[in-house]
Amino acid sequence: MERFVEDYQKRRLTDRDDIMTAINILMSQGYDEDDLLGEMTKVFYVDLDAFNEVIAHH
């Protein structure tokens, strides 16, 4: 995700299904699990509890 967004433009990513979709897209593009959160937070405000829950079950 080579897209940078100003903080005031970021959407909230809180739904577990949406987080899983973002994870699947990034992983299909070759990102490692360790890089997912960093890439996602470039574009979204990510609910960390929901993200960690999704990653734990991924």
Protein backbone atom coordinates (compact mmCIF):
# COMPACT_ATOMS: atom_id res chain seq x y z
CA MET A 1 0.00 0.00 0.00
CA GLU A 2 2.08 2.89 -1.19
CA ARG A 3 -0.61 5.38 -0.33
CA PHE A 4 -0.18 7.97 2.36
CA VAL A 5 -3.18 9.80 3.74
CA GLU A 6 -3.29 12.80 6.03
CA ASP A 7 -4.48 11.86 9.52
CA TYR A 8 -7.69 13.86 9.19
CA GLN A 9 -8.60 11.83 6.07
CA LYS A 10 -8.20 8.37 7.61
CA ARG A 11 -11.23 6.13 8.05
CA ARG A 12 -11.66 3.94 11.09
CA LEU A 13 -11.08 0.24 10.54
CA THR A 14 -12.88 -1.43 13.46
CA ASP A 15 -14.99 -4.22 11.98
CA ARG A 16 -13.29 -7.61 12.23
CA ASP A 17 -14.49 -8.65 8.77
CA ASP A 18 -13.05 -5.48 7.26
CA ILE A 19 -9.77 -6.02 9.09
CA MET A 20 -9.60 -9.59 7.78
CA THR A 21 -10.28 -8.34 4.25
CA ALA A 22 -7.44 -5.81 4.53
CA ILE A 23 -5.12 -8.51 5.89
CA ASN A 24 -5.99 -10.87 3.05
CA ILE A 25 -5.41 -8.17 0.44
CA LEU A 26 -2.03 -7.21 1.89
CA MET A 27 -0.90 -10.82 2.23
CA SER A 28 -1.94 -11.53 -1.36
CA GLN A 29 0.34 -8.64 -2.36
CA GLY A 30 3.26 -10.29 -0.56
CA TYR A 31 3.33 -8.47 2.77
CA ASP A 32 4.52 -10.44 5.80
CA GLU A 33 2.36 -10.69 8.90
CA ASP A 34 4.85 -8.48 10.78
CA ASP A 35 4.30 -5.64 8.28
CA LEU A 36 0.50 -5.70 8.17
CA LEU A 37 -0.29 -3.28 10.99
CA GLY A 38 2.23 -0.72 9.78
CA GLU A 39 0.81 -0.82 6.27
CA MET A 40 -2.78 -0.65 7.47
CA THR A 41 -2.15 2.33 9.75
CA LYS A 42 -0.82 4.33 6.81
CA VAL A 43 -4.37 4.42 5.48
CA PHE A 44 -6.70 3.66 8.44
CA TYR A 45 -7.11 4.18 12.14
CA VAL A 46 -7.04 0.50 13.14
CA ASP A 47 -8.77 -0.89 16.24
CA LEU A 48 -5.77 -2.63 17.82
CA ASP A 49 -7.81 -5.01 19.95
CA ALA A 50 -9.81 -6.16 16.92
CA PHE A 51 -6.64 -6.42 14.82
CA ASN A 52 -4.88 -8.55 17.44
CA GLU A 53 -7.93 -10.79 17.77
CA VAL A 54 -8.10 -11.31 14.00
CA ILE A 55 -4.35 -12.00 13.74
CA ALA A 56 -4.54 -14.51 16.60
CA HIS A 57 -7.14 -16.51 14.65
CA HIS A 58 -5.54 -16.03 11.22
